[in-house]
PDB file of N, CA and C in Angstrom:
ATOM      1  N   MET A   1     -99.957-282.025-109.134  1.00  0.00           N
ATOM      2  CA  MET A   1     -99.155-280.891-109.556  1.00  0.00           C
ATOM      3  C   MET A   1     -98.547-281.174-110.930  1.00  0.00           C
ATOM      4  N   GLU A   2     -98.129-282.411-111.137  1.00  0.00           N
ATOM      5  CA  GLU A   2     -97.553-282.774-112.437  1.00  0.00           C
ATOM      6  C   GLU A   2     -98.577-282.589-113.546  1.00  0.00           C
ATOM      7  N   ALA A   3     -99.825-282.961-113.277  1.00  0.00           N
ATOM      8  CA  ALA A   3    -100.880-282.818-114.284  1.00  0.00           C
ATOM      9  C   ALA A   3    -101.115-281.342-114.612  1.00  0.00           C
ATOM     10  N   VAL A   4    -101.068-280.477-113.627  1.00  0.00           N
ATOM     11  CA  VAL A   4    -101.263-279.052-113.873  1.00  0.00           C
ATOM     12  C   VAL A   4    -100.132-278.521-114.749  1.00  0.00           C
ATOM     13  N   ARG A   5     -98.916-278.933-114.469  1.00  0.00           N
ATOM     14  CA  ARG A   5     -97.779-278.509-115.306  1.00  0.00           C
ATOM     15  C   ARG A   5     -97.914-279.028-116.733  1.00  0.00           C
ATOM     16  N   ARG A   6     -98.330-280.275-116.864  1.00  0.00           N
ATOM     17  CA  ARG A   6     -98.427-280.904-118.187  1.00  0.00           C
ATOM     18  C   ARG A   6     -99.596-280.344-118.997  1.00  0.00           C
ATOM     19  N   LEU A   7    -100.745-280.182-118.357  1.00  0.00           N
ATOM     20  CA  LEU A   7    -101.956-279.789-119.076  1.00  0.00           C
ATOM     21  C   LEU A   7    -102.175-278.276-119.150  1.00  0.00           C
ATOM     22  N   HIS A   8    -101.602-277.557-118.219  1.00  0.00           N
ATOM     23  CA  HIS A   8    -101.762-276.101-118.104  1.00  0.00           C
ATOM     24  C   HIS A   8    -103.224-275.705-118.337  1.00  0.00           C
ATOM     25  N   PRO A   9    -104.116-276.102-117.413  1.00  0.00           N
ATOM     26  CA  PRO A   9    -105.555-275.843-117.589  1.00  0.00           C
ATOM     27  C   PRO A   9    -105.895-274.361-117.470  1.00  0.00           C
ATOM     28  N   ASP A  10    -107.094-274.017-117.900  1.00  0.00           N
ATOM     29  CA  ASP A  10    -107.570-272.641-117.798  1.00  0.00           C
ATOM     30  C   ASP A  10    -107.935-272.283-116.361  1.00  0.00           C
ATOM     31  N   ALA A  11    -108.222-273.276-115.539  1.00  0.00           N
ATOM     32  CA  ALA A  11    -108.545-273.060-114.127  1.00  0.00           C
ATOM     33  C   ALA A  11    -108.312-274.368-113.378  1.00  0.00           C
ATOM     34  N   VAL A  12    -108.109-274.256-112.066  1.00  0.00           N
ATOM     35  CA  VAL A  12    -107.903-275.425-111.213  1.00  0.00           C
ATOM     36  C   VAL A  12    -108.868-275.312-110.034  1.00  0.00           C
ATOM     37  N   ILE A  13    -109.544-276.424-109.741  1.00  0.00           N
ATOM     38  CA  ILE A  13    -110.414-276.493-108.573  1.00  0.00           C
ATOM     39  C   ILE A  13    -109.721-277.380-107.545  1.00  0.00           C
ATOM     40  N   LEU A  14    -109.483-276.839-106.370  1.00  0.00           N
ATOM     41  CA  LEU A  14    -108.797-277.571-105.308  1.00  0.00           C
ATOM     42  C   LEU A  14    -109.697-277.711-104.097  1.00  0.00           C
ATOM     43  N   ASP A  15    -109.570-278.833-103.426  1.00  0.00           N
ATOM     44  CA  ASP A  15    -110.207-279.006-102.125  1.00  0.00           C
ATOM     45  C   ASP A  15    -109.125-278.709-101.099  1.00  0.00           C
ATOM     46  N   ILE A  16    -109.509-278.166 -99.973  1.00  0.00           N
ATOM     47  CA  ILE A  16    -108.515-277.923 -98.918  1.00  0.00           C
ATOM     48  C   ILE A  16    -107.896-279.242 -98.477  1.00  0.00           C
ATOM     49  N   ILE A  17    -108.728-280.280 -98.336  1.00  0.00           N
ATOM     50  CA  ILE A  17    -108.228-281.579 -97.885  1.00  0.00           C
ATOM     51  C   ILE A  17    -108.091-282.498 -99.092  1.00  0.00           C
ATOM     52  N   MET A  18    -106.844-282.791 -99.459  1.00  0.00           N
ATOM     53  CA  MET A  18    -106.544-283.689-100.573  1.00  0.00           C
ATOM     54  C   MET A  18    -105.527-284.711-100.084  1.00  0.00           C
ATOM     55  N   PRO A  19    -105.424-285.869-100.755  1.00  0.00           N
ATOM     56  CA  PRO A  19    -104.600-286.957-100.229  1.00  0.00           C
ATOM     57  C   PRO A  19    -103.087-286.732-100.231  1.00  0.00           C
ATOM     58  N   VAL A  20    -102.518-286.125-101.254  1.00  0.00           N
ATOM     59  CA  VAL A  20    -101.061-286.015-101.321  1.00  0.00           C
ATOM     60  C   VAL A  20    -100.569-284.725-100.686  1.00  0.00           C
ATOM     61  N   MET A  21    -101.158-283.624-101.084  1.00  0.00           N
ATOM     62  CA  MET A  21    -100.848-282.333-100.471  1.00  0.00           C
ATOM     63  C   MET A  21    -102.163-281.573-100.334  1.00  0.00           C
ATOM     64  N   SER A  22    -102.240-280.698 -99.368  1.00  0.00           N
ATOM     65  CA  SER A  22    -103.492-279.959 -99.175  1.00  0.00           C
ATOM     66  C   SER A  22    -103.686-278.971-100.318  1.00  0.00           C
ATOM     67  N   GLY A  23    -104.919-278.531-100.486  1.00  0.00           N
ATOM     68  CA  GLY A  23    -105.199-277.526-101.498  1.00  0.00           C
ATOM     69  C   GLY A  23    -104.430-276.248-101.232  1.00  0.00           C
ATOM     70  N   THR A  24    -104.265-275.912 -99.959  1.00  0.00           N
ATOM     71  CA  THR A  24    -103.494-274.723 -99.587  1.00  0.00           C
ATOM     72  C   THR A  24    -102.035-274.875 -99.994  1.00  0.00           C
ATOM     73  N   GLU A  25    -101.458-276.064 -99.762  1.00  0.00           N
ATOM     74  CA  GLU A  25    -100.065-276.318-100.155  1.00  0.00           C
ATOM     75  C   GLU A  25     -99.912-276.270-101.679  1.00  0.00           C
ATOM     76  N   MET A  26    -100.875-276.860-102.387  1.00  0.00           N
ATOM     77  CA  MET A  26    -100.796-276.860-103.847  1.00  0.00           C
ATOM     78  C   MET A  26    -100.930-275.445-104.397  1.00  0.00           C
ATOM     79  N   TYR A  27    -101.841-274.670-103.825  1.00  0.00           N
ATOM     80  CA  TYR A  27    -101.999-273.281-104.254  1.00  0.00           C
ATOM     81  C   TYR A  27    -100.687-272.517-104.037  1.00  0.00           C
ATOM     82  N   ALA A  28    -100.065-272.702-102.881  1.00  0.00           N
ATOM     83  CA  ALA A  28     -98.792-272.024-102.594  1.00  0.00           C
ATOM     84  C   ALA A  28     -97.716-272.452-103.587  1.00  0.00           C
ATOM     85  N   ALA A  29     -97.671-273.751-103.905  1.00  0.00           N
ATOM     86  CA  ALA A  29     -96.684-274.248-104.879  1.00  0.00           C
ATOM     87  C   ALA A  29     -96.954-273.659-106.262  1.00  0.00           C
ATOM     88  N   MET A  30     -98.223-273.564-106.644  1.00  0.00           N
ATOM     89  CA  MET A  30     -98.557-272.973-107.942  1.00  0.00           C
ATOM     90  C   MET A  30     -98.150-271.500-107.982  1.00  0.00           C
ATOM     91  N   GLN A  31     -98.376-270.774-106.891  1.00  0.00           N
ATOM     92  CA  GLN A  31     -98.012-269.359-106.858  1.00  0.00           C
ATOM     93  C   GLN A  31     -96.501-269.166-106.919  1.00  0.00           C
ATOM     94  N   GLY A  32     -95.754-270.157-106.457  1.00  0.00           N
ATOM     95  CA  GLY A  32     -94.294-270.085-106.496  1.00  0.00           C
ATOM     96  C   GLY A  32     -93.695-270.495-107.829  1.00  0.00           C
ATOM     97  N   ASP A  33     -94.521-270.959-108.750  1.00  0.00           N
ATOM     98  CA  ASP A  33     -94.064-271.401-110.070  1.00  0.00           C
ATOM     99  C   ASP A  33     -94.536-270.389-111.109  1.00  0.00           C
ATOM    100  N   PRO A  34     -93.621-269.633-111.718  1.00  0.00           N
ATOM    101  CA  PRO A  34     -94.022-268.605-112.681  1.00  0.00           C
ATOM    102  C   PRO A  34     -94.886-269.135-113.829  1.00  0.00           C
ATOM    103  N   GLY A  35     -94.729-270.389-114.185  1.00  0.00           N
ATOM    104  CA  GLY A  35     -95.523-270.971-115.256  1.00  0.00           C
ATOM    105  C   GLY A  35     -96.942-271.317-114.842  1.00  0.00           C
ATOM    106  N   LEU A  36     -97.201-271.384-113.536  1.00  0.00           N
ATOM    107  CA  LEU A  36     -98.523-271.776-113.038  1.00  0.00           C
ATOM    108  C   LEU A  36     -99.229-270.676-112.246  1.00  0.00           C
ATOM    109  N   ALA A  37     -98.494-269.660-111.852  1.00  0.00           N
ATOM    110  CA  ALA A  37     -99.034-268.630-110.962  1.00  0.00           C
ATOM    111  C   ALA A  37    -100.230-267.887-111.554  1.00  0.00           C
ATOM    112  N   GLN A  38    -100.331-267.827-112.870  1.00  0.00           N
ATOM    113  CA  GLN A  38    -101.420-267.085-113.500  1.00  0.00           C
ATOM    114  C   GLN A  38    -102.689-267.904-113.700  1.00  0.00           C
ATOM    115  N   ILE A  39    -102.646-269.212-113.384  1.00  0.00           N
ATOM    116  CA  ILE A  39    -103.826-270.062-113.546  1.00  0.00           C
ATOM    117  C   ILE A  39    -104.810-269.754-112.412  1.00  0.00           C
ATOM    118  N   PRO A  40    -106.049-269.397-112.751  1.00  0.00           N
ATOM    119  CA  PRO A  40    -107.030-269.126-111.697  1.00  0.00           C
ATOM    120  C   PRO A  40    -107.328-270.381-110.876  1.00  0.00           C
ATOM    121  N   VAL A  41    -107.526-270.186-109.571  1.00  0.00           N
ATOM    122  CA  VAL A  41    -107.791-271.288-108.656  1.00  0.00           C
ATOM    123  C   VAL A  41    -109.120-271.048-107.937  1.00  0.00           C
ATOM    124  N   ILE A  42    -109.905-272.110-107.865  1.00  0.00           N
ATOM    125  CA  ILE A  42    -111.141-272.106-107.088  1.00  0.00           C
ATOM    126  C   ILE A  42    -110.946-273.116-105.969  1.00  0.00           C
ATOM    127  N   ILE A  43    -111.166-272.682-104.728  1.00  0.00           N
ATOM    128  CA  ILE A  43    -110.996-273.559-103.569  1.00  0.00           C
ATOM    129  C   ILE A  43    -112.368-274.032-103.091  1.00  0.00           C
ATOM    130  N   SER A  44    -112.489-275.333-102.901  1.00  0.00           N
ATOM    131  CA  SER A  44    -113.696-275.955-102.368  1.00  0.00           C
ATOM    132  C   SER A  44    -113.429-276.295-100.902  1.00  0.00           C
ATOM    133  N   THR A  45    -114.289-275.784-100.015  1.00  0.00           N
ATOM    134  CA  THR A  45    -114.071-276.036 -98.595  1.00  0.00           C
ATOM    135  C   THR A  45    -115.355-275.826 -97.792  1.00  0.00           C
ATOM    136  N   SER A  46    -115.442-276.505 -96.677  1.00  0.00           N
ATOM    137  CA  SER A  46    -116.556-276.268 -95.754  1.00  0.00           C
ATOM    138  C   SER A  46    -116.169-275.212 -94.722  1.00  0.00           C
ATOM    139  N   ASP A  47    -114.880-274.863 -94.683  1.00  0.00           N
ATOM    140  CA  ASP A  47    -114.375-273.870 -93.731  1.00  0.00           C
ATOM    141  C   ASP A  47    -113.582-272.799 -94.484  1.00  0.00           C
ATOM    142  N   PRO A  48    -114.244-271.750 -94.984  1.00  0.00           N
ATOM    143  CA  PRO A  48    -113.560-270.726 -95.765  1.00  0.00           C
ATOM    144  C   PRO A  48    -112.393-270.052 -95.044  1.00  0.00           C
ATOM    145  N   SER A  49    -112.378-270.074 -93.718  1.00  0.00           N
ATOM    146  CA  SER A  49    -111.274-269.447 -92.992  1.00  0.00           C
ATOM    147  C   SER A  49    -109.950-270.175 -93.232  1.00  0.00           C
ATOM    148  N   ARG A  50    -110.013-271.426 -93.705  1.00  0.00           N
ATOM    149  CA  ARG A  50    -108.787-272.195 -93.971  1.00  0.00           C
ATOM    150  C   ARG A  50    -108.240-271.948 -95.374  1.00  0.00           C
ATOM    151  N   ALA A  51    -109.011-271.279 -96.226  1.00  0.00           N
ATOM    152  CA  ALA A  51    -108.593-271.041 -97.604  1.00  0.00           C
ATOM    153  C   ALA A  51    -107.600-269.886 -97.681  1.00  0.00           C
ATOM    154  N   PRO A  52    -106.653-269.970 -98.620  1.00  0.00           N
ATOM    155  CA  PRO A  52    -105.719-268.856 -98.788  1.00  0.00           C
ATOM    156  C   PRO A  52    -106.456-267.619 -99.308  1.00  0.00           C
ATOM    157  N   SER A  53    -105.923-266.458 -99.024  1.00  0.00           N
ATOM    158  CA  SER A  53    -106.555-265.230 -99.523  1.00  0.00           C
ATOM    159  C   SER A  53    -106.263-265.083-101.013  1.00  0.00           C
ATOM    160  N   GLY A  54    -107.145-264.394-101.694  1.00  0.00           N
ATOM    161  CA  GLY A  54    -106.933-264.127-103.114  1.00  0.00           C
ATOM    162  C   GLY A  54    -107.470-265.186-104.050  1.00  0.00           C
ATOM    163  N   VAL A  55    -108.222-266.148-103.530  1.00  0.00           N
ATOM    164  CA  VAL A  55    -108.796-267.187-104.391  1.00  0.00           C
ATOM    165  C   VAL A  55    -110.318-267.142-104.292  1.00  0.00           C
ATOM    166  N   LEU A  56    -110.954-267.648-105.321  1.00  0.00           N
ATOM    167  CA  LEU A  56    -112.402-267.789-105.307  1.00  0.00           C
ATOM    168  C   LEU A  56    -112.740-268.999-104.441  1.00  0.00           C
ATOM    169  N   ILE A  57    -113.660-268.835-103.495  1.00  0.00           N
ATOM    170  CA  ILE A  57    -114.003-269.921-102.572  1.00  0.00           C
ATOM    171  C   ILE A  57    -115.413-270.420-102.878  1.00  0.00           C
ATOM    172  N   MET A  58    -115.538-271.726-103.006  1.00  0.00           N
ATOM    173  CA  MET A  58    -116.837-272.372-103.167  1.00  0.00           C
ATOM    174  C   MET A  58    -117.085-273.165-101.893  1.00  0.00           C
ATOM    175  N   ARG A  59    -118.073-272.729-101.133  1.00  0.00           N
ATOM    176  CA  ARG A  59    -118.387-273.391 -99.874  1.00  0.00           C
ATOM    177  C   ARG A  59    -119.082-274.730-100.135  1.00  0.00           C
ATOM    178  N   LYS A  60    -118.704-275.758 -99.368  1.00  0.00           N
ATOM    179  CA  LYS A  60    -119.351-277.073 -99.464  1.00  0.00           C
ATOM    180  C   LYS A  60    -120.639-277.061 -98.660  1.00  0.00           C
ATOM    181  N   PRO A  61    -121.642-277.795 -99.046  1.00  0.00           N
ATOM    182  CA  PRO A  61    -121.688-278.639-100.235  1.00  0.00           C
ATOM    183  C   PRO A  61    -121.743-277.770-101.493  1.00  0.00           C
ATOM    184  N   ILE A  62    -121.105-278.254-102.543  1.00  0.00           N
ATOM    185  CA  ILE A  62    -120.980-277.508-103.789  1.00  0.00           C
ATOM    186  C   ILE A  62    -122.326-277.408-104.502  1.00  0.00           C
ATOM    187  N   ASP A  63    -122.656-276.209-104.899  1.00  0.00           N
ATOM    188  CA  ASP A  63    -123.822-275.948-105.739  1.00  0.00           C
ATOM    189  C   ASP A  63    -123.291-275.991-107.174  1.00  0.00           C
ATOM    190  N   VAL A  64    -123.627-277.055-107.911  1.00  0.00           N
ATOM    191  CA  VAL A  64    -123.037-277.289-109.234  1.00  0.00           C
ATOM    192  C   VAL A  64    -123.278-276.135-110.202  1.00  0.00           C
ATOM    193  N   PRO A  65    -124.488-275.611-110.348  1.00  0.00           N
ATOM    194  CA  PRO A  65    -124.658-274.478-111.260  1.00  0.00           C
ATOM    195  C   PRO A  65    -123.780-273.274-110.889  1.00  0.00           C
ATOM    196  N   ARG A  66    -123.635-273.034-109.587  1.00  0.00           N
ATOM    197  CA  ARG A  66    -122.780-271.927-109.134  1.00  0.00           C
ATOM    198  C   ARG A  66    -121.308-272.217-109.450  1.00  0.00           C
ATOM    199  N   LEU A  67    -120.884-273.467-109.265  1.00  0.00           N
ATOM    200  CA  LEU A  67    -119.514-273.848-109.597  1.00  0.00           C
ATOM    201  C   LEU A  67    -119.258-273.675-111.084  1.00  0.00           C
ATOM    202  N   LEU A  68    -120.169-274.142-111.917  1.00  0.00           N
ATOM    203  CA  LEU A  68    -119.995-274.006-113.371  1.00  0.00           C
ATOM    204  C   LEU A  68    -119.927-272.539-113.776  1.00  0.00           C
ATOM    205  N   ALA A  69    -120.747-271.709-113.153  1.00  0.00           N
ATOM    206  CA  ALA A  69    -120.704-270.274-113.441  1.00  0.00           C
ATOM    207  C   ALA A  69    -119.350-269.686-113.038  1.00  0.00           C
ATOM    208  N   ALA A  70    -118.826-270.131-111.901  1.00  0.00           N
ATOM    209  CA  ALA A  70    -117.520-269.642-111.440  1.00  0.00           C
ATOM    210  C   ALA A  70    -116.415-270.077-112.393  1.00  0.00           C
ATOM    211  N   VAL A  71    -116.459-271.319-112.832  1.00  0.00           N
ATOM    212  CA  VAL A  71    -115.441-271.813-113.772  1.00  0.00           C
ATOM    213  C   VAL A  71    -115.512-271.017-115.073  1.00  0.00           C
ATOM    214  N   LYS A  72    -116.714-270.824-115.585  1.00  0.00           N
ATOM    215  CA  LYS A  72    -116.871-270.045-116.820  1.00  0.00           C
ATOM    216  C   LYS A  72    -116.321-268.632-116.653  1.00  0.00           C
ATOM    217  N   SER A  73    -116.520-268.049-115.485  1.00  0.00           N
ATOM    218  CA  SER A  73    -116.082-266.668-115.275  1.00  0.00           C
ATOM    219  C   SER A  73    -114.564-266.532-115.209  1.00  0.00           C
ATOM    220  N   VAL A  74    -113.873-267.568-114.753  1.00  0.00           N
ATOM    221  CA  VAL A  74    -112.415-267.459-114.625  1.00  0.00           C
ATOM    222  C   VAL A  74    -111.656-268.051-115.802  1.00  0.00           C
ATOM    223  N   CYS A  75    -112.328-268.812-116.633  1.00  0.00           N
ATOM    224  CA  CYS A  75    -111.663-269.434-117.775  1.00  0.00           C
ATOM    225  C   CYS A  75    -111.394-268.423-118.881  1.00  0.00           C
ATOM    226  N   LYS A  76    -110.327-268.666-119.601  1.00  0.00           N
ATOM    227  CA  LYS A  76    -109.977-267.835-120.745  1.00  0.00           C
ATOM    228  C   LYS A  76    -110.837-268.182-121.951  1.00  0.00           C
ATOM    229  N   LYS A  77    -111.401-269.382-121.944  1.00  0.00           N
ATOM    230  CA  LYS A  77    -112.185-269.825-123.087  1.00  0.00           C
ATOM    231  C   LYS A  77    -113.506-269.081-123.146  1.00  0.00           C
ATOM    232  N   THR A  78    -114.015-268.942-124.336  1.00  0.00           N
ATOM    233  CA  THR A  78    -115.303-268.289-124.525  1.00  0.00           C
ATOM    234  C   THR A  78    -116.420-269.255-124.158  1.00  0.00           C
ATOM    235  N   PRO A  79    -117.608-268.752-123.848  1.00  0.00           N
ATOM    236  CA  PRO A  79    -118.732-269.646-123.560  1.00  0.00           C
ATOM    237  C   PRO A  79    -119.019-270.611-124.713  1.00  0.00           C
ATOM    238  N   ALA A  80    -118.803-270.176-125.955  1.00  0.00           N
ATOM    239  CA  ALA A  80    -119.043-271.061-127.100  1.00  0.00           C
ATOM    240  C   ALA A  80    -118.079-272.242-127.072  1.00  0.00           C
ATOM    241  N   ALA A  81    -116.823-272.004-126.713  1.00  0.00           N
ATOM    242  CA  ALA A  81    -115.842-273.095-126.635  1.00  0.00           C
ATOM    243  C   ALA A  81    -116.185-274.033-125.491  1.00  0.00           C
ATOM    244  N   LEU A  82    -116.674-273.478-124.388  1.00  0.00           N
ATOM    245  CA  LEU A  82    -117.036-274.301-123.245  1.00  0.00           C
ATOM    246  C   LEU A  82    -118.255-275.170-123.528  1.00  0.00           C
ATOM    247  N   ALA A  83    -119.137-274.703-124.383  1.00  0.00           N
ATOM    248  CA  ALA A  83    -120.368-275.436-124.675  1.00  0.00           C
ATOM    249  C   ALA A  83    -120.078-276.817-125.240  1.00  0.00           C
ATOM    250  N   GLY A  84    -118.960-276.983-125.938  1.00  0.00           N
ATOM    251  CA  GLY A  84    -118.606-278.278-126.506  1.00  0.00           C
ATOM    252  C   GLY A  84    -117.905-279.195-125.529  1.00  0.00           C
ATOM    253  N   HIS A  85    -117.541-278.699-124.366  1.00  0.00           N
ATOM    254  CA  HIS A  85    -116.826-279.501-123.379  1.00  0.00           C
ATOM    255  C   HIS A  85    -117.819-280.330-122.574  1.00  0.00           C
ATOM    256  N   SER A  86    -117.491-281.573-122.320  1.00  0.00           N
ATOM    257  CA  SER A  86    -118.428-282.468-121.645  1.00  0.00           C
ATOM    258  C   SER A  86    -118.806-282.013-120.240  1.00  0.00           C
ATOM    259  N   MET A  87    -117.959-281.223-119.587  1.00  0.00           N
ATOM    260  CA  MET A  87    -118.310-280.750-118.247  1.00  0.00           C
ATOM    261  C   MET A  87    -119.525-279.820-118.309  1.00  0.00           C
ATOM    262  N   PHE A  88    -119.637-279.086-119.404  1.00  0.00           N
ATOM    263  CA  PHE A  88    -120.716-278.125-119.548  1.00  0.00           C
ATOM    264  C   PHE A  88    -121.829-278.648-120.452  1.00  0.00           C
ATOM    265  N   ASN A  89    -121.547-279.713-121.195  1.00  0.00           N
ATOM    266  CA  ASN A  89    -122.522-280.286-122.113  1.00  0.00           C
ATOM    267  C   ASN A  89    -122.537-281.793-121.899  1.00  0.00           C
ATOM    268  N   PRO A  90    -123.495-282.316-121.163  1.00  0.00           N
ATOM    269  CA  PRO A  90    -123.509-283.746-120.834  1.00  0.00           C
ATOM    270  C   PRO A  90    -123.570-284.658-122.052  1.00  0.00           C
ATOM    271  N   ARG A  91    -124.003-284.139-123.206  1.00  0.00           N
ATOM    272  CA  ARG A  91    -124.080-284.969-124.403  1.00  0.00           C
ATOM    273  C   ARG A  91    -122.735-285.102-125.114  1.00  0.00           C
ATOM    274  N   ALA A  92    -121.788-284.237-124.786  1.00  0.00           N
ATOM    275  CA  ALA A  92    -120.470-284.300-125.423  1.00  0.00           C
ATOM    276  C   ALA A  92    -119.658-285.439-124.822  1.00  0.00           C
ATOM    277  N   ALA A  93    -118.784-286.002-125.620  1.00  0.00           N
ATOM    278  CA  ALA A  93    -117.917-287.088-125.135  1.00  0.00           C
ATOM    279  C   ALA A  93    -116.917-286.523-124.140  1.00  0.00           C
ATOM    280  N   PRO A  94    -116.557-287.272-123.097  1.00  0.00           N
ATOM    281  CA  PRO A  94    -115.567-286.777-122.137  1.00  0.00           C
ATOM    282  C   PRO A  94    -114.241-286.478-122.825  1.00  0.00           C
ATOM    283  N   SER A  95    -113.618-285.366-122.428  1.00  0.00           N
ATOM    284  CA  SER A  95    -112.336-284.998-123.019  1.00  0.00           C
ATOM    285  C   SER A  95    -111.189-285.268-122.053  1.00  0.00           C
ATOM    286  N   TRP A  96    -111.463-285.977-120.979  1.00  0.00           N
ATOM    287  CA  TRP A  96    -110.423-286.351-120.025  1.00  0.00           C
ATOM    288  C   TRP A  96    -110.648-287.805-119.640  1.00  0.00           C
ATOM    289  N   PRO A  97    -109.601-288.469-119.161  1.00  0.00           N
ATOM    290  CA  PRO A  97    -109.772-289.866-118.749  1.00  0.00           C
ATOM    291  C   PRO A  97    -110.776-289.971-117.610  1.00  0.00           C
ATOM    292  N   THR A  98    -111.630-290.932-117.660  1.00  0.00           N
ATOM    293  CA  THR A  98    -112.593-291.138-116.585  1.00  0.00           C
ATOM    294  C   THR A  98    -112.132-292.305-115.718  1.00  0.00           C
ATOM    295  N   ARG A  99    -112.546-292.299-114.474  1.00  0.00           N
ATOM    296  CA  ARG A  99    -112.180-293.395-113.578  1.00  0.00           C
ATOM    297  C   ARG A  99    -112.971-294.627-113.930  1.00  0.00           C
ATOM    298  N   ARG A 100    -112.349-295.773-113.776  1.00  0.00           N
ATOM    299  CA  ARG A 100    -113.047-297.024-114.007  1.00  0.00           C
ATOM    300  C   ARG A 100    -114.049-297.269-112.895  1.00  0.00           C
ATOM    301  N   GLN A 101    -115.163-297.823-113.259  1.00  0.00           N
ATOM    302  CA  GLN A 101    -116.151-298.180-112.251  1.00  0.00           C
ATOM    303  C   GLN A 101    -115.704-299.452-111.542  1.00  0.00           C
ATOM    304  N   ARG A 102    -115.909-299.492-110.267  1.00  0.00           N
ATOM    305  CA  ARG A 102    -115.560-300.700-109.513  1.00  0.00           C
ATOM    306  C   ARG A 102    -116.591-301.783-109.812  1.00  0.00           C
ATOM    307  N   PRO A 103    -116.132-303.049-109.924  1.00  0.00           N
ATOM    308  CA  PRO A 103    -117.068-304.146-110.216  1.00  0.00           C
ATOM    309  C   PRO A 103    -118.007-304.399-109.064  1.00  0.00           C
TER     310      PRO A 103
END
């Protein structure tokens, strides 16, 4: 939640089951925060009945091309701006911290 407040992303992808708070709890907290309520949310779940209403649902297992299309559709950025982002262009350098590989 702190990262969402700090970064104010164009969209947030949540899983229903997350370690600190559930995706449903985080979505509710975002909706209760006027600064975050307008950020589009995509919920990833194997059980769509558990997802809150009013969000885009991506059923697991995730179909990556479909997910990327969904992100592009909800983002404020233009497709040209997204093309330079490493998530959409594998040749671009990552623009976010990556996890360290375990030895």
